[in-house]
């Protein structure tokens, strides 16, 4: 079965910038795509992968 993501959202912190990503709901997690090139496709993650990624962001693991 092919899952088509729904409910695409861009972070409100992005404002009017175009160099952003969007996140959509997938059957078992999330989908991510480039805002300025939506036709290029998207990648999906499972719910546990997405949760670990968000936890890492909140913990500062990806801060420069």
N, C-alpha and C. Protein backbone atom coordinates (compact mmCIF):
# COMPACT_ATOMS: atom_id res chain seq x y z
N UNK A 1 0.83 -1.18 0.00
CA UNK A 1 0.00 0.00 0.00
C UNK A 1 0.88 1.25 0.00
N UNK A 2 0.57 2.19 -0.85
CA UNK A 2 1.29 3.46 -0.89
C UNK A 2 0.56 4.46 -0.01
N UNK A 3 1.29 5.06 0.88
CA UNK A 3 0.72 6.04 1.81
C UNK A 3 0.95 7.44 1.25
N UNK A 4 -0.11 8.20 1.09
CA UNK A 4 0.02 9.58 0.65
C UNK A 4 -0.07 10.48 1.87
N UNK A 5 0.99 11.21 2.19
CA UNK A 5 0.97 12.09 3.36
C UNK A 5 -0.10 13.17 3.23
N UNK A 6 -0.63 13.59 4.36
CA UNK A 6 -1.65 14.62 4.41
C UNK A 6 -1.28 15.67 5.46
N UNK A 7 -1.99 16.78 5.44
CA UNK A 7 -1.83 17.79 6.48
C UNK A 7 -0.47 18.45 6.50
N UNK A 8 0.11 18.73 5.33
CA UNK A 8 1.44 19.34 5.27
C UNK A 8 1.46 20.66 6.03
N UNK A 9 2.52 20.88 6.82
CA UNK A 9 2.68 22.11 7.61
C UNK A 9 4.11 22.60 7.54
N UNK A 10 4.24 23.91 7.51
CA UNK A 10 5.56 24.55 7.59
C UNK A 10 5.62 25.23 8.95
N UNK A 11 6.75 25.24 9.57
CA UNK A 11 6.90 25.86 10.88
C UNK A 11 6.49 27.32 10.84
N UNK A 12 5.78 27.75 11.85
CA UNK A 12 5.39 29.16 11.95
C UNK A 12 6.62 30.05 12.16
N UNK A 13 7.71 29.46 12.61
CA UNK A 13 8.96 30.22 12.80
C UNK A 13 9.65 30.52 11.48
N UNK A 14 9.19 29.87 10.41
CA UNK A 14 9.78 30.09 9.09
C UNK A 14 9.35 31.42 8.48
N UNK A 15 8.21 31.94 8.92
CA UNK A 15 7.71 33.18 8.36
C UNK A 15 7.47 33.06 6.87
N UNK A 16 7.92 34.04 6.11
CA UNK A 16 7.73 34.04 4.66
C UNK A 16 8.94 33.49 3.91
N UNK A 17 9.89 32.93 4.61
CA UNK A 17 11.09 32.37 3.98
C UNK A 17 10.72 31.16 3.13
N UNK A 18 11.46 30.95 2.05
CA UNK A 18 11.15 29.82 1.17
C UNK A 18 12.12 28.65 1.36
N UNK A 19 13.20 28.83 2.07
CA UNK A 19 14.17 27.75 2.29
C UNK A 19 13.77 26.97 3.54
N UNK A 20 12.67 26.25 3.44
CA UNK A 20 12.12 25.54 4.59
C UNK A 20 11.74 24.12 4.20
N UNK A 21 11.38 23.35 5.18
CA UNK A 21 10.81 22.04 4.93
C UNK A 21 9.40 22.02 5.49
N UNK A 22 8.59 21.11 4.97
CA UNK A 22 7.24 20.89 5.46
C UNK A 22 7.15 19.48 6.00
N UNK A 23 6.29 19.30 6.98
CA UNK A 23 6.07 17.99 7.58
C UNK A 23 4.61 17.62 7.39
N UNK A 24 4.39 16.39 6.96
CA UNK A 24 3.03 15.88 6.79
C UNK A 24 2.83 14.61 7.58
N UNK A 25 1.59 14.27 7.77
CA UNK A 25 1.26 13.02 8.48
C UNK A 25 1.32 11.85 7.50
N UNK A 26 1.96 10.80 7.95
CA UNK A 26 1.99 9.55 7.19
C UNK A 26 1.34 8.48 8.06
N UNK A 27 0.98 7.36 7.46
CA UNK A 27 0.25 6.32 8.20
C UNK A 27 0.98 5.89 9.47
N UNK A 28 2.30 5.75 9.40
CA UNK A 28 3.05 5.27 10.55
C UNK A 28 4.13 6.25 10.97
N UNK A 29 3.88 7.55 10.84
CA UNK A 29 4.90 8.51 11.26
C UNK A 29 4.75 9.84 10.58
N UNK A 30 5.81 10.28 9.91
CA UNK A 30 5.81 11.61 9.31
C UNK A 30 6.47 11.56 7.93
N UNK A 31 6.16 12.58 7.14
CA UNK A 31 6.78 12.76 5.83
C UNK A 31 7.38 14.16 5.81
N UNK A 32 8.50 14.32 5.12
CA UNK A 32 9.20 15.61 5.06
C UNK A 32 9.50 15.93 3.60
N UNK A 33 9.26 17.20 3.21
CA UNK A 33 9.56 17.64 1.85
C UNK A 33 10.09 19.07 1.84
N UNK A 34 10.72 19.44 0.75
CA UNK A 34 11.27 20.77 0.54
C UNK A 34 10.15 21.71 0.11
N UNK A 35 9.97 22.81 0.82
CA UNK A 35 8.90 23.75 0.52
C UNK A 35 9.02 24.34 -0.88
N UNK A 36 10.23 24.64 -1.31
CA UNK A 36 10.39 25.31 -2.61
C UNK A 36 10.41 24.34 -3.79
N UNK A 37 10.42 23.03 -3.53
CA UNK A 37 10.40 22.05 -4.61
C UNK A 37 9.53 20.86 -4.21
N UNK A 38 8.28 21.10 -3.99
CA UNK A 38 7.36 20.05 -3.52
C UNK A 38 7.26 18.89 -4.51
N UNK A 39 7.41 19.18 -5.79
CA UNK A 39 7.29 18.14 -6.81
C UNK A 39 8.45 17.15 -6.76
N UNK A 40 9.52 17.47 -6.06
CA UNK A 40 10.68 16.58 -5.97
C UNK A 40 10.39 15.36 -5.12
N UNK A 41 9.31 15.37 -4.38
CA UNK A 41 8.96 14.22 -3.55
C UNK A 41 9.19 14.48 -2.07
N UNK A 42 9.20 13.42 -1.32
CA UNK A 42 9.32 13.49 0.13
C UNK A 42 9.93 12.20 0.64
N UNK A 43 10.37 12.24 1.90
CA UNK A 43 10.79 10.99 2.54
C UNK A 43 9.92 10.78 3.77
N UNK A 44 9.79 9.55 4.19
CA UNK A 44 8.96 9.23 5.35
C UNK A 44 9.80 8.60 6.45
N UNK A 45 9.29 8.73 7.65
CA UNK A 45 9.91 8.10 8.82
C UNK A 45 8.82 7.38 9.59
N UNK A 46 9.22 6.42 10.39
CA UNK A 46 8.25 5.75 11.27
C UNK A 46 8.01 6.66 12.47
N UNK A 47 6.96 6.37 13.20
CA UNK A 47 6.65 7.17 14.40
C UNK A 47 7.81 7.14 15.41
N UNK A 48 8.43 5.98 15.69
CA UNK A 48 9.56 5.99 16.63
C UNK A 48 10.76 6.80 16.12
N UNK A 49 11.04 6.73 14.82
CA UNK A 49 12.14 7.53 14.26
C UNK A 49 11.85 9.02 14.40
N UNK A 50 10.63 9.41 14.07
CA UNK A 50 10.26 10.83 14.15
C UNK A 50 10.33 11.32 15.60
N UNK A 51 9.85 10.51 16.52
CA UNK A 51 9.89 10.87 17.94
C UNK A 51 11.33 11.05 18.42
N UNK A 52 12.23 10.14 18.02
CA UNK A 52 13.64 10.26 18.41
C UNK A 52 14.26 11.52 17.82
N UNK A 53 13.90 11.85 16.59
CA UNK A 53 14.41 13.07 15.95
C UNK A 53 13.95 14.31 16.70
N UNK A 54 12.68 14.40 17.03
CA UNK A 54 12.14 15.55 17.77
C UNK A 54 12.78 15.64 19.15
N UNK A 55 12.96 14.51 19.81
CA UNK A 55 13.63 14.49 21.12
C UNK A 55 15.05 15.04 20.99
N UNK A 56 15.76 14.64 19.94
CA UNK A 56 17.11 15.13 19.70
C UNK A 56 17.15 16.63 19.47
N UNK A 57 16.18 17.14 18.72
CA UNK A 57 16.10 18.59 18.48
C UNK A 57 15.91 19.33 19.81
N UNK A 58 14.96 18.87 20.59
CA UNK A 58 14.67 19.53 21.88
C UNK A 58 15.85 19.46 22.84
N UNK A 59 16.67 18.42 22.71
CA UNK A 59 17.84 18.26 23.58
C UNK A 59 19.05 19.04 23.08
N UNK A 60 18.92 19.65 21.88
CA UNK A 60 20.03 20.43 21.34
C UNK A 60 21.09 19.62 20.62
N UNK A 61 20.79 18.36 20.27
CA UNK A 61 21.78 17.50 19.62
C UNK A 61 22.20 17.99 18.25
N UNK A 62 21.39 18.84 17.62
CA UNK A 62 21.70 19.29 16.27
C UNK A 62 22.08 20.76 16.21
N UNK A 63 22.25 21.38 17.38
CA UNK A 63 22.64 22.79 17.43
C UNK A 63 24.08 22.92 16.93
N UNK A 64 24.32 24.01 16.28
CA UNK A 64 25.70 24.27 15.80
C UNK A 64 26.51 24.94 16.86
